[in-house]
């Protein structure tokens, strides 16, 4: 467990000075190896443990045996030893039950970055370079001891000239270049896995890695995190028990983020005396309502509201921070996910399955009958069990879909992870709180708000204009179609055929057949000319015949080599649901 911050510390990630790669019994994974070799060794070490190849999808929830050299704790240690990119990768993998076994996902959820703090002089240099002024001119005081440190950044307490206490988050030097280099290496492995492995074809690792890289690059831009803080602060303002520390724009840049200092105690370290003085149930309820509102009304998912990112402040509010990684959901997908959650809460398993198919991609091996049966059984168990976790239900839906050949949108896994983290925090704050009842009520509130918004004057005017257009143009277009049918002049045109891959492949086939005929003709002509006497000989054979034979053989070998190396099997058929 990471050491706890002292009360009044800024809300940020813990820093443990120990190095996992040098712990007894853990052979270093990174020593004396280049980066690609390190990644390859990691993949080979865990090739039999189910990591990167998916969990045992036919045994829901079963705990499979893993080899001693591929246990979850060692996997976490190896990722931590490889640096910040792989720590973030592990945190993202913990949201994907279709890619890692349940034992590994649980271990990854507990992952903490373990790095030593860098000297404060280097922090001063970065602050001065980014903000364009000496630290002693910008701040009345700057604490040399970090409040928190991680692989990407570390945080220091400071006091402004006007007396306000702030937290200064500073990005460590060279970390951006290291992240970009690691991501480039990972892309090459993901591309190979997509072509050569079953999990790659099922999950599309390269697409998932590209999304991960985009999110990680956003986290390196502290302007984006400052905007997230400001936006979450506005959206959660109606929930008076929640508080988001606001950024100070004049003291922030791409690599430096200065925000209000969040003082208080972690939600997993609340003393018993504090619980007798203040009821924690309202804080937990406000957190659930606020996050559901943020997800389904504003379309933003902060998938990592873990205890380290939350503080109970001295004035009785709940402080939320560390909003570097925020995913955005488009409106239509938001509506579909809300509809799925409503159906799950009501126990309508068939409707959940149908709606999930409509937003997912059906692979060639999609087993629809099995999928409908297992999803219906899952939702029935959830409806019958009042203690069933909403986040676990969502992640189990992803697991079942993947096992049956259905690729779900990544936002569904993020939603499940966010709900699971919220439930964990609520159990720490208020163990006896009925979170399911709060989720149901808040979903109803969100639906009423969306219906009210759909009945606004602007939306009604837009719908009226579309209806007017349909009524005006519909009869004329219908008359034109009927006239074409009556005169037998209705035609369908397929455009772009001359530019399609079909024409390209037909040309390749024709070229290869022609080259094969020419190669055979050259070899046959050469064999016939071997009996003719000519003026020039090479190794005792007629030179012209030998030259023709050589050209024919080279051309034939080229055709065979091209067929073996470059011909691809037909891509597995995929069918996207209607959106």
Protein backbone atom coordinates (compact mmCIF):
# COMPACT_ATOMS: atom_id res chain seq x y z
CA UNK A 1 0.00 0.00 0.00
CA UNK A 2 1.22 3.50 -0.75
CA UNK A 3 1.99 5.67 2.20
CA UNK A 4 -0.72 8.15 3.10
CA UNK A 5 -0.41 11.82 2.66
CA UNK A 6 -0.48 13.92 5.77
CA UNK A 7 -3.71 15.82 6.33
CA UNK A 8 -3.72 19.00 4.28
CA UNK A 9 -1.68 17.48 1.45
CA UNK A 10 -2.66 18.26 -2.12
CA UNK A 11 -4.76 15.78 -3.93
CA UNK A 12 -2.31 13.90 -6.04
CA UNK A 13 -0.77 10.50 -6.49
CA UNK A 14 1.44 8.90 -3.85
CA UNK A 15 5.17 8.62 -4.22
CA UNK A 16 7.01 5.57 -2.94
CA UNK A 17 10.77 5.71 -3.15
CA UNK A 18 11.30 1.98 -3.48
CA UNK A 19 12.23 0.53 -6.86
CA UNK A 20 10.24 -2.59 -7.79
CA UNK A 21 12.78 -3.77 -10.27
CA UNK A 22 15.37 -4.24 -7.52
CA UNK A 23 13.13 -5.90 -4.95
CA UNK A 24 14.26 -9.34 -3.75
CA UNK A 25 12.93 -12.12 -5.92
CA UNK A 26 12.05 -9.77 -8.78
CA UNK A 27 14.72 -9.98 -11.48
CA UNK A 28 15.05 -6.64 -13.26
CA UNK A 29 13.30 -6.59 -16.61
CA UNK A 30 14.97 -3.49 -18.00
CA UNK A 31 18.65 -3.77 -17.13
CA UNK A 32 21.01 -4.03 -20.07
CA UNK A 33 18.34 -4.29 -22.75
CA UNK A 34 17.11 -1.92 -25.45
CA UNK A 35 13.51 -0.82 -25.35
CA UNK A 36 12.06 -3.20 -27.94
CA UNK A 37 13.85 -6.12 -26.34
CA UNK A 38 12.39 -5.16 -22.97
CA UNK A 39 8.87 -5.11 -24.41
CA UNK A 40 9.41 -8.41 -26.22
CA UNK A 41 10.69 -10.04 -23.04
CA UNK A 42 7.62 -8.79 -21.16
CA UNK A 43 5.33 -10.32 -23.80
CA UNK A 44 7.20 -13.62 -23.76
CA UNK A 45 7.24 -13.84 -19.96
CA UNK A 46 3.44 -13.61 -19.76
CA UNK A 47 2.53 -15.46 -22.97
CA UNK A 48 0.98 -18.35 -20.99
CA UNK A 49 -0.81 -16.27 -18.36
CA UNK A 50 -3.61 -14.88 -20.54
CA UNK A 51 -2.30 -11.31 -20.55
CA UNK A 52 -2.71 -9.65 -23.98
CA UNK A 53 -4.57 -12.75 -25.21
CA UNK A 54 -7.73 -12.33 -23.15
CA UNK A 55 -9.11 -14.11 -20.15
CA UNK A 56 -10.62 -17.57 -20.10
CA UNK A 57 -13.78 -16.41 -21.79
CA UNK A 58 -15.58 -19.72 -21.46
CA UNK A 59 -15.25 -19.77 -17.69
CA UNK A 60 -16.92 -16.64 -16.44
CA UNK A 61 -15.35 -15.45 -13.26
CA UNK A 62 -13.21 -18.55 -12.81
CA UNK A 63 -9.72 -18.19 -11.39
CA UNK A 64 -7.30 -19.98 -13.65
CA UNK A 65 -3.88 -21.09 -12.52
CA UNK A 66 -1.05 -18.91 -13.72
CA UNK A 67 2.60 -19.91 -13.90
CA UNK A 68 4.92 -18.74 -11.09
CA UNK A 69 6.88 -16.47 -13.46
CA UNK A 70 3.67 -14.86 -14.72
CA UNK A 71 1.72 -13.99 -11.59
CA UNK A 72 -0.24 -10.71 -11.36
CA UNK A 73 1.99 -9.08 -8.72
CA UNK A 74 5.12 -9.71 -10.79
CA UNK A 75 3.36 -8.35 -13.87
CA UNK A 76 2.55 -5.11 -12.04
CA UNK A 77 6.17 -4.85 -10.84
CA UNK A 78 7.50 -5.38 -14.37
CA UNK A 79 5.22 -2.68 -15.78
CA UNK A 80 6.27 -0.25 -13.06
CA UNK A 81 9.94 -0.98 -13.78
CA UNK A 82 9.45 -0.10 -17.45
CA UNK A 83 8.44 3.46 -16.59
CA UNK A 84 5.53 5.89 -16.94
CA UNK A 85 4.22 4.70 -20.30
CA UNK A 86 3.70 1.18 -19.01
CA UNK A 87 2.24 2.34 -15.71
CA UNK A 88 -0.42 4.21 -17.68
CA UNK A 89 -0.81 1.21 -19.98
CA UNK A 90 -1.45 -1.00 -16.95
CA UNK A 91 -4.05 1.40 -15.62
CA UNK A 92 -5.84 1.33 -18.98
CA UNK A 93 -5.61 -2.46 -19.20
CA UNK A 94 -7.39 -2.70 -15.85
CA UNK A 95 -10.50 -1.37 -17.65
CA UNK A 96 -10.42 -4.12 -20.29
CA UNK A 97 -11.73 -7.47 -19.02
CA UNK A 98 -11.65 -8.70 -22.62
CA UNK A 99 -7.86 -8.34 -22.78
CA UNK A 100 -6.53 -9.42 -19.37
CA UNK A 101 -7.65 -12.11 -16.89
CA UNK A 102 -9.59 -11.01 -13.84
CA UNK A 103 -6.65 -11.69 -11.48
CA UNK A 104 -4.41 -9.36 -13.48
CA UNK A 105 -7.09 -6.67 -13.83
CA UNK A 106 -7.53 -6.66 -10.04
CA UNK A 107 -3.77 -6.31 -9.50
CA UNK A 108 -3.54 -3.52 -12.07
CA UNK A 109 -6.26 -1.56 -10.26
CA UNK A 110 -3.92 -1.34 -7.25
CA UNK A 111 -0.99 -0.14 -9.35
CA UNK A 112 0.85 2.85 -7.95
CA UNK A 113 3.79 4.68 -9.50
CA UNK A 114 6.94 4.23 -7.43
CA UNK A 115 9.56 6.80 -8.26
CA UNK A 116 11.95 9.02 -6.39
CA UNK A 117 11.52 12.77 -6.38
CA UNK A 118 13.83 14.82 -8.56
CA UNK A 119 15.81 17.70 -6.98
CA UNK A 120 13.84 20.87 -6.38
CA UNK A 121 16.46 22.87 -8.36
CA UNK A 122 15.36 21.09 -11.55
CA UNK A 123 11.73 21.81 -10.68
CA UNK A 124 12.61 25.49 -10.25
CA UNK A 125 14.30 25.50 -13.65
CA UNK A 126 11.24 24.09 -15.39
CA UNK A 127 8.88 26.52 -13.62
CA UNK A 128 11.06 29.50 -14.54
CA UNK A 129 11.40 28.33 -18.13
CA UNK A 130 7.65 27.82 -18.53
CA UNK A 131 6.38 30.88 -16.64
CA UNK A 132 9.16 33.26 -17.61
CA UNK A 133 10.06 34.54 -14.14
CA UNK A 134 12.11 33.42 -11.12
CA UNK A 135 10.33 31.23 -8.60
CA UNK A 136 10.94 33.73 -5.76
CA UNK A 137 9.21 36.41 -7.85
CA UNK A 138 6.23 34.21 -8.70
CA UNK A 139 5.61 32.77 -5.22
CA UNK A 140 6.03 34.05 -1.71
CA UNK A 141 7.22 30.55 -0.72
CA UNK A 142 7.80 27.26 -2.52
CA UNK A 143 8.06 24.09 -0.44
CA UNK A 144 11.14 22.07 -1.52
CA UNK A 145 9.56 18.81 -0.30
CA UNK A 146 7.06 17.43 -2.83
CA UNK A 147 3.53 16.69 -1.71
CA UNK A 148 3.33 13.92 -4.28
CA UNK A 149 5.42 12.51 -7.08
CA UNK A 150 4.87 10.19 -10.03
CA UNK A 151 6.72 9.19 -13.17
CA UNK A 152 5.30 12.07 -15.19
CA UNK A 153 5.11 14.89 -12.66
CA UNK A 154 5.54 15.95 -9.08
CA UNK A 155 3.59 18.43 -6.97
CA UNK A 156 4.82 21.09 -4.54
CA UNK A 157 2.95 23.29 -2.10
CA UNK A 158 3.43 27.03 -2.67
CA UNK A 159 2.04 30.35 -1.47
CA UNK A 160 1.22 33.20 -3.84
CA UNK A 161 2.12 36.80 -3.19
CA UNK A 162 -1.47 37.51 -2.14
CA UNK A 163 -1.34 34.75 0.50
CA UNK A 164 -3.32 32.05 -1.32
CA UNK A 165 -2.06 28.48 -0.91
CA UNK A 166 -1.71 26.57 -4.15
CA UNK A 167 -0.45 23.27 -5.49
CA UNK A 168 2.08 23.45 -8.34
CA UNK A 169 2.19 20.39 -10.60
CA UNK A 170 5.36 20.27 -12.70
CA UNK A 171 6.05 17.87 -15.55
CA UNK A 172 9.41 16.13 -15.25
CA UNK A 173 12.05 16.77 -17.93
CA UNK A 174 12.47 14.37 -20.88
CA UNK A 175 9.29 12.46 -19.95
CA UNK A 176 7.43 13.51 -23.11
CA UNK A 177 10.19 12.21 -25.39
CA UNK A 178 10.30 8.91 -23.50
CA UNK A 179 6.54 8.46 -23.81
CA UNK A 180 6.58 9.12 -27.56
CA UNK A 181 9.44 6.66 -28.07
CA UNK A 182 7.66 3.94 -26.06
CA UNK A 183 4.39 4.49 -27.92
CA UNK A 184 6.15 4.12 -31.28
CA UNK A 185 7.65 0.81 -30.17
CA UNK A 186 4.28 -0.41 -28.88
CA UNK A 187 2.59 0.48 -32.18
CA UNK A 188 4.88 -1.88 -34.10
CA UNK A 189 4.00 -4.75 -31.74
CA UNK A 190 0.28 -3.92 -31.91
CA UNK A 191 0.35 -3.89 -35.72
CA UNK A 192 1.98 -7.34 -35.78
CA UNK A 193 -0.49 -8.67 -33.20
CA UNK A 194 -3.48 -7.45 -35.22
CA UNK A 195 -2.31 -9.51 -38.21
CA UNK A 196 -0.95 -12.59 -36.45
CA UNK A 197 -3.01 -13.18 -33.30
CA UNK A 198 -6.63 -13.90 -32.55
CA UNK A 199 -6.89 -11.29 -29.79
CA UNK A 200 -5.49 -8.66 -32.16
CA UNK A 201 -8.15 -9.39 -34.78
CA UNK A 202 -10.84 -9.47 -32.10
CA UNK A 203 -9.89 -6.31 -30.19
CA UNK A 204 -7.89 -4.36 -32.82
CA UNK A 205 -4.97 -3.56 -30.55
CA UNK A 206 -3.62 -0.85 -32.83
CA UNK A 207 -6.86 1.14 -32.72
CA UNK A 208 -7.01 0.73 -28.95
CA UNK A 209 -3.36 1.79 -28.63
CA UNK A 210 -3.97 4.86 -30.79
CA UNK A 211 -6.78 5.93 -28.46
CA UNK A 212 -4.54 5.28 -25.47
CA UNK A 213 -1.75 7.35 -27.05
CA UNK A 214 -4.14 10.21 -27.77
CA UNK A 215 -5.34 10.24 -24.16
CA UNK A 216 -1.77 10.03 -22.84
CA UNK A 217 -0.62 12.92 -25.00
CA UNK A 218 -3.52 14.99 -23.68
CA UNK A 219 -2.37 14.25 -20.15
CA UNK A 220 1.03 15.76 -21.02
CA UNK A 221 -0.67 19.03 -21.92
CA UNK A 222 -1.52 20.76 -18.65
CA UNK A 223 -3.58 23.33 -20.52
CA UNK A 224 -6.01 20.48 -21.26
CA UNK A 225 -6.03 19.37 -17.61
CA UNK A 226 -6.66 22.96 -16.49
CA UNK A 227 -9.61 23.13 -18.89
CA UNK A 228 -10.91 19.83 -17.47
CA UNK A 229 -10.71 21.25 -13.95
CA UNK A 230 -12.57 24.40 -14.96
CA UNK A 231 -15.22 22.50 -16.93
CA UNK A 232 -15.83 19.89 -14.20
CA UNK A 233 -16.05 22.74 -11.70
CA UNK A 234 -18.84 24.38 -13.71
CA UNK A 235 -20.71 21.14 -14.32
CA UNK A 236 -20.55 19.99 -10.69
CA UNK A 237 -21.43 23.40 -9.26
CA UNK A 238 -25.09 22.40 -8.65
CA UNK A 239 -23.79 19.66 -6.31
CA UNK A 240 -22.77 21.85 -3.38
CA UNK A 241 -21.06 19.05 -1.50
CA UNK A 242 -18.57 18.53 -4.34
CA UNK A 243 -15.64 20.83 -5.04
CA UNK A 244 -13.11 20.87 -7.89
CA UNK A 245 -9.92 22.95 -7.25
CA UNK A 246 -9.72 25.59 -9.95
CA UNK A 247 -6.61 26.36 -12.02
CA UNK A 248 -4.78 29.67 -11.86
CA UNK A 249 -4.27 30.47 -15.52
CA UNK A 250 -1.59 33.14 -15.04
CA UNK A 251 0.60 30.59 -13.26
CA UNK A 252 -0.01 27.66 -15.62
CA UNK A 253 1.48 26.51 -18.91
CA UNK A 254 1.81 23.34 -20.96
CA UNK A 255 4.18 21.77 -18.40
CA UNK A 256 3.21 23.62 -15.21
CA UNK A 257 -0.25 23.56 -13.61
CA UNK A 258 -1.00 25.75 -10.61
CA UNK A 259 -4.32 25.13 -8.89
CA UNK A 260 -6.04 25.76 -5.60
CA UNK A 261 -4.69 23.61 -2.78
CA UNK A 262 -7.05 20.82 -1.73
CA UNK A 263 -6.62 20.26 1.97
CA UNK A 264 -8.29 17.45 3.83
CA UNK A 265 -8.12 13.73 4.44
CA UNK A 266 -8.26 10.86 1.97
CA UNK A 267 -11.57 9.03 1.78
CA UNK A 268 -9.87 5.79 2.82
CA UNK A 269 -8.27 7.40 5.89
CA UNK A 270 -11.22 9.13 7.56
CA UNK A 271 -10.88 8.74 11.33
CA UNK A 272 -13.77 7.46 13.40
CA UNK A 273 -14.07 10.76 15.28
CA UNK A 274 -14.65 12.60 12.02
CA UNK A 275 -17.43 10.17 11.10
CA UNK A 276 -19.22 10.90 14.37
CA UNK A 277 -19.00 14.64 13.68
CA UNK A 278 -20.06 14.52 10.03
CA UNK A 279 -22.29 12.06 8.16
CA UNK A 280 -20.54 10.77 5.03
CA UNK A 281 -23.67 9.45 3.28
CA UNK A 282 -24.51 12.83 1.66
CA UNK A 283 -20.99 13.09 0.23
CA UNK A 284 -21.16 9.62 -1.30
CA UNK A 285 -24.64 10.26 -2.74
CA UNK A 286 -23.53 13.59 -4.22
CA UNK A 287 -20.49 11.95 -5.79
CA UNK A 288 -22.62 9.32 -7.56
CA UNK A 289 -25.17 11.86 -8.76
CA UNK A 290 -22.51 14.29 -9.93
CA UNK A 291 -20.54 11.72 -11.90
CA UNK A 292 -23.62 10.21 -13.56
CA UNK A 293 -24.71 13.71 -14.53
CA UNK A 294 -21.22 14.41 -15.90
CA UNK A 295 -21.25 11.19 -17.95
CA UNK A 296 -24.77 11.18 -19.41
CA UNK A 297 -25.56 14.89 -19.59
CA UNK A 298 -22.16 16.36 -20.47
CA UNK A 299 -20.63 13.24 -22.07
CA UNK A 300 -17.35 13.15 -20.13
CA UNK A 301 -15.95 10.10 -18.32
CA UNK A 302 -13.31 10.47 -15.63
CA UNK A 303 -12.59 6.76 -15.31
CA UNK A 304 -10.23 7.06 -12.34
CA UNK A 305 -12.07 8.56 -9.31
CA UNK A 306 -10.04 6.41 -6.90
CA UNK A 307 -9.43 7.29 -3.21
CA UNK A 308 -6.12 8.99 -4.00
CA UNK A 309 -7.95 11.58 -6.12
CA UNK A 310 -10.55 12.51 -3.49
CA UNK A 311 -10.30 14.42 -0.20
CA UNK A 312 -12.83 15.32 2.49
CA UNK A 313 -12.11 18.98 3.14
CA UNK A 314 -12.26 20.72 6.55
CA UNK A 315 -15.49 22.48 5.54
CA UNK A 316 -17.21 19.12 4.87
CA UNK A 317 -17.03 19.00 1.08
CA UNK A 318 -15.51 16.37 -1.20
CA UNK A 319 -12.59 17.63 -3.30
CA UNK A 320 -12.05 16.02 -6.74
CA UNK A 321 -8.85 16.50 -8.74
CA UNK A 322 -6.26 14.86 -11.04
CA UNK A 323 -8.41 15.18 -14.15
CA UNK A 324 -5.68 14.66 -16.74
CA UNK A 325 -7.31 11.64 -18.45
CA UNK A 326 -10.92 12.36 -19.41
CA UNK A 327 -12.75 10.52 -22.21
CA UNK A 328 -15.52 12.15 -24.23
CA UNK A 329 -18.66 10.41 -25.51
CA UNK A 330 -20.64 11.56 -28.56
CA UNK A 331 -24.34 12.29 -27.92
CA UNK A 332 -25.77 9.30 -29.80
CA UNK A 333 -23.54 6.78 -28.01
CA UNK A 334 -24.39 8.50 -24.73
CA UNK A 335 -28.09 7.93 -25.38
CA UNK A 336 -27.55 4.27 -26.25
CA UNK A 337 -25.49 3.60 -23.10
CA UNK A 338 -28.09 5.35 -20.97
CA UNK A 339 -30.79 3.19 -22.53
CA UNK A 340 -28.72 0.05 -21.80
CA UNK A 341 -28.30 1.01 -18.17
CA UNK A 342 -32.02 1.69 -17.81
CA UNK A 343 -32.86 -1.71 -19.28
CA UNK A 344 -30.31 -3.40 -16.98
CA UNK A 345 -31.74 -1.71 -13.89
CA UNK A 346 -35.24 -2.89 -14.90
CA UNK A 347 -33.99 -6.44 -15.55
CA UNK A 348 -34.76 -6.43 -19.30
CA UNK A 349 -31.93 -8.70 -20.45
CA UNK A 350 -33.06 -9.17 -24.07
CA UNK A 351 -33.32 -5.43 -24.57
CA UNK A 352 -29.83 -4.95 -23.09
CA UNK A 353 -28.42 -7.54 -25.49
CA UNK A 354 -30.15 -6.04 -28.55
CA UNK A 355 -29.07 -2.50 -27.74
CA UNK A 356 -25.49 -3.60 -27.14
CA UNK A 357 -25.40 -5.37 -30.51
CA UNK A 358 -26.60 -2.17 -32.17
CA UNK A 359 -23.55 -0.18 -30.99
CA UNK A 360 -20.97 -2.95 -31.40
CA UNK A 361 -19.22 -4.76 -34.25
CA UNK A 362 -20.19 -8.36 -35.00
CA UNK A 363 -17.15 -10.45 -35.87
CA UNK A 364 -17.23 -13.44 -38.20
CA UNK A 365 -17.45 -15.92 -35.32
CA UNK A 366 -20.25 -14.08 -33.50
CA UNK A 367 -22.40 -16.58 -31.58
CA UNK A 368 -25.65 -14.66 -31.23
CA UNK A 369 -27.63 -17.41 -29.50
CA UNK A 370 -25.03 -17.87 -26.78
CA UNK A 371 -24.62 -14.12 -26.37
CA UNK A 372 -28.35 -13.53 -25.89
CA UNK A 373 -28.61 -16.39 -23.40
CA UNK A 374 -25.63 -15.40 -21.24
CA UNK A 375 -26.47 -11.69 -21.27
CA UNK A 376 -30.05 -12.45 -20.26
CA UNK A 377 -28.84 -14.63 -17.39
CA UNK A 378 -26.43 -11.91 -16.22
CA UNK A 379 -29.11 -9.21 -16.17
CA UNK A 380 -31.55 -11.56 -14.40
CA UNK A 381 -28.99 -12.21 -11.63
CA UNK A 382 -28.35 -8.48 -11.33
CA UNK A 383 -32.08 -7.67 -11.06
CA UNK A 384 -32.60 -10.38 -8.43
CA UNK A 385 -29.57 -9.46 -6.29
CA UNK A 386 -29.78 -6.08 -4.59
CA UNK A 387 -26.05 -6.08 -3.74
CA UNK A 388 -24.90 -6.64 -7.32
CA UNK A 389 -22.40 -4.03 -8.52
CA UNK A 390 -23.46 -1.87 -11.47
CA UNK A 391 -19.85 -1.42 -12.57
CA UNK A 392 -19.20 -5.16 -12.43
CA UNK A 393 -22.34 -5.80 -14.49
CA UNK A 394 -21.12 -3.46 -17.23
CA UNK A 395 -17.67 -5.08 -17.30
CA UNK A 396 -19.25 -8.55 -17.35
CA UNK A 397 -21.33 -7.47 -20.34
CA UNK A 398 -18.09 -6.56 -22.12
CA UNK A 399 -16.55 -9.92 -21.16
CA UNK A 400 -19.53 -11.93 -22.42
CA UNK A 401 -19.75 -9.92 -25.65
CA UNK A 402 -16.06 -10.46 -26.41
CA UNK A 403 -16.25 -14.18 -25.68
CA UNK A 404 -19.12 -14.48 -28.17
CA UNK A 405 -17.41 -12.55 -30.97
CA UNK A 406 -18.86 -9.07 -30.41
CA UNK A 407 -16.49 -6.08 -30.23
CA UNK A 408 -17.97 -3.47 -27.91
CA UNK A 409 -17.11 0.26 -28.00
CA UNK A 410 -14.27 1.18 -25.60
CA UNK A 411 -16.49 3.74 -23.86
CA UNK A 412 -18.51 0.87 -22.38
CA UNK A 413 -15.44 -0.48 -20.56
CA UNK A 414 -14.58 3.02 -19.32
CA UNK A 415 -18.14 3.44 -18.03
CA UNK A 416 -17.90 0.14 -16.15
CA UNK A 417 -14.54 1.12 -14.67
CA UNK A 418 -15.84 4.53 -13.57
CA UNK A 419 -18.91 2.99 -11.90
CA UNK A 420 -16.73 0.38 -10.18
CA UNK A 421 -14.41 3.06 -8.80
CA UNK A 422 -17.37 5.13 -7.64
CA UNK A 423 -18.79 2.15 -5.78
CA UNK A 424 -15.42 1.54 -4.10
CA UNK A 425 -15.21 5.14 -2.94
CA UNK A 426 -18.81 5.09 -1.71
CA UNK A 427 -18.16 1.95 0.34
CA UNK A 428 -15.22 3.73 1.98
CA UNK A 429 -17.29 6.83 2.69
CA UNK A 430 -20.60 5.22 3.64
CA UNK A 431 -20.55 1.40 3.82
CA UNK A 432 -24.31 1.15 4.43
CA UNK A 433 -25.38 3.45 1.58
CA UNK A 434 -27.78 1.94 -0.97
CA UNK A 435 -25.87 2.97 -4.08
CA UNK A 436 -28.20 1.08 -6.41
CA UNK A 437 -31.20 3.15 -5.36
CA UNK A 438 -29.22 6.38 -5.88
CA UNK A 439 -28.09 5.23 -9.34
CA UNK A 440 -31.68 4.43 -10.35
CA UNK A 441 -33.01 7.79 -9.14
CA UNK A 442 -30.22 9.75 -10.78
CA UNK A 443 -30.68 7.95 -14.10
CA UNK A 444 -34.35 8.91 -14.00
CA UNK A 445 -33.36 12.50 -13.27
CA UNK A 446 -30.91 12.46 -16.20
CA UNK A 447 -33.60 11.10 -18.50
CA UNK A 448 -36.06 13.81 -17.45
CA UNK A 449 -33.41 16.44 -18.05
CA UNK A 450 -32.69 15.06 -21.53
CA UNK A 451 -36.41 14.95 -22.38
CA UNK A 452 -36.83 18.50 -21.17
CA UNK A 453 -33.89 19.59 -23.30
CA UNK A 454 -35.37 17.81 -26.34
CA UNK A 455 -38.56 19.85 -25.89
CA UNK A 456 -36.76 23.16 -25.91
CA UNK A 457 -37.81 25.84 -28.38
CA UNK A 458 -34.70 25.39 -30.52
CA UNK A 459 -35.13 21.62 -30.86
CA UNK A 460 -38.85 21.91 -31.59
CA UNK A 461 -38.17 24.53 -34.25
CA UNK A 462 -35.54 22.30 -35.88
CA UNK A 463 -37.91 19.32 -35.92
CA UNK A 464 -40.68 21.47 -37.39
CA UNK A 465 -38.39 22.67 -40.18
CA UNK A 466 -37.42 19.09 -41.07
CA UNK A 467 -41.09 18.04 -41.10
CA UNK A 468 -41.95 21.00 -43.31
CA UNK A 469 -39.17 20.02 -45.74
CA UNK A 470 -40.45 16.44 -45.86
CA UNK A 471 -44.05 17.51 -46.52
CA UNK A 472 -42.98 19.90 -49.27
CA UNK A 473 -40.57 17.62 -51.16
CA UNK A 474 -42.04 14.19 -50.39
CA UNK A 475 -44.95 14.13 -52.93
CA UNK A 476 -42.77 15.38 -55.78
CA UNK A 477 -40.02 12.81 -55.13
CA UNK A 478 -42.55 10.00 -54.84
CA UNK A 479 -44.12 11.08 -58.14
CA UNK A 480 -40.71 11.04 -59.86
CA UNK A 481 -40.01 7.49 -58.62
CA UNK A 482 -43.41 6.25 -59.80
CA UNK A 483 -42.88 7.80 -63.24
CA UNK A 484 -39.50 6.09 -63.64
CA UNK A 485 -41.02 2.76 -62.64
CA UNK A 486 -43.90 3.16 -65.09
CA UNK A 487 -41.50 3.92 -67.95
CA UNK A 488 -39.07 1.15 -66.92
CA UNK A 489 -36.26 3.70 -66.62
CA UNK A 490 -35.33 3.18 -62.96
CA UNK A 491 -31.60 2.49 -62.79
CA UNK A 492 -29.03 1.84 -60.09
CA UNK A 493 -25.44 2.94 -60.54
CA UNK A 494 -22.41 1.67 -58.63
CA UNK A 495 -19.82 4.44 -58.70
CA UNK A 496 -16.14 4.16 -57.95
CA UNK A 497 -15.74 0.60 -59.27
CA UNK A 498 -12.90 1.64 -61.54
CA UNK A 499 -11.08 3.02 -58.49
CA UNK A 500 -11.85 0.16 -56.15
CA UNK A 501 -9.61 -2.62 -54.90
CA UNK A 502 -11.53 -5.04 -57.10
CA UNK A 503 -10.05 -3.49 -60.25
CA UNK A 504 -6.63 -3.31 -58.63
CA UNK A 505 -6.74 -7.00 -57.69
CA UNK A 506 -7.96 -8.01 -61.15
CA UNK A 507 -5.00 -6.17 -62.68
CA UNK A 508 -2.63 -7.98 -60.30
CA UNK A 509 -4.12 -11.32 -61.29
CA UNK A 510 -3.77 -10.51 -65.00
CA UNK A 511 -0.17 -9.33 -64.54
CA UNK A 512 0.75 -12.46 -62.59
CA UNK A 513 -0.83 -14.79 -65.19
CA UNK A 514 0.98 -12.96 -68.00
CA UNK A 515 4.30 -13.12 -66.12
CA UNK A 516 3.81 -16.84 -65.51
CA UNK A 517 3.12 -17.51 -69.22
CA UNK A 518 6.18 -15.48 -70.23
CA UNK A 519 8.36 -17.32 -67.68
CA UNK A 520 7.18 -20.71 -68.95
CA UNK A 521 7.73 -19.65 -72.57
CA UNK A 522 11.28 -18.47 -71.82
CA UNK A 523 12.20 -21.70 -70.06
CA UNK A 524 10.71 -23.81 -72.88
CA UNK A 525 12.49 -21.74 -75.57
CA UNK A 526 15.75 -22.05 -73.68
CA UNK A 527 15.44 -25.81 -73.41
CA UNK A 528 14.83 -26.08 -77.18
CA UNK A 529 17.76 -23.78 -78.00
CA UNK A 530 20.13 -25.92 -75.98
CA UNK A 531 20.39 -28.25 -79.01
CA UNK A 532 21.34 -25.44 -81.40
CA UNK A 533 24.94 -24.58 -82.12
CA UNK A 534 25.77 -20.90 -81.60
CA UNK A 535 28.96 -18.92 -81.56
CA UNK A 536 29.01 -18.17 -77.83
CA UNK A 537 29.05 -20.72 -75.01
CA UNK A 538 29.01 -20.41 -71.22
CA UNK A 539 29.98 -23.47 -69.19
CA UNK A 540 29.56 -25.46 -72.38
CA UNK A 541 25.96 -24.31 -73.02
CA UNK A 542 24.74 -21.86 -75.68
CA UNK A 543 24.91 -18.35 -74.15
CA UNK A 544 21.54 -17.18 -75.55
CA UNK A 545 19.73 -20.30 -74.29
CA UNK A 546 21.36 -19.97 -70.88
CA UNK A 547 20.38 -16.28 -70.67
CA UNK A 548 16.76 -17.05 -71.55
CA UNK A 549 16.70 -19.88 -69.00
CA UNK A 550 18.09 -17.55 -66.30
CA UNK A 551 15.50 -14.83 -67.04
CA UNK A 552 12.65 -17.35 -66.97
CA UNK A 553 13.81 -18.89 -63.67
CA UNK A 554 14.24 -15.47 -62.00
CA UNK A 555 10.81 -14.38 -63.20
CA UNK A 556 9.20 -17.60 -61.97
CA UNK A 557 10.91 -17.38 -58.58
CA UNK A 558 9.72 -13.79 -58.29
CA UNK A 559 6.11 -14.87 -58.84
CA UNK A 560 6.39 -17.62 -56.21
CA UNK A 561 8.08 -15.29 -53.70
CA UNK A 562 5.43 -12.62 -54.22
CA UNK A 563 2.66 -15.16 -53.68
CA UNK A 564 4.23 -16.48 -50.46
CA UNK A 565 5.13 -13.13 -48.90
CA UNK A 566 2.52 -10.65 -50.05
CA UNK A 567 -0.69 -12.56 -50.75
CA UNK A 568 -3.11 -12.11 -47.84
CA UNK A 569 -5.97 -14.18 -46.72
CA UNK A 570 -9.38 -12.58 -46.92
CA UNK A 571 -10.04 -10.39 -43.91
CA UNK A 572 -12.49 -11.80 -41.42
CA UNK A 573 -15.97 -10.49 -42.05
CA UNK A 574 -17.14 -7.84 -39.63
CA UNK A 575 -20.55 -6.25 -39.43
CA UNK A 576 -21.21 -3.07 -37.55
CA UNK A 577 -24.45 -2.52 -35.74
CA UNK A 578 -26.78 0.27 -36.82
CA UNK A 579 -26.07 3.53 -35.05
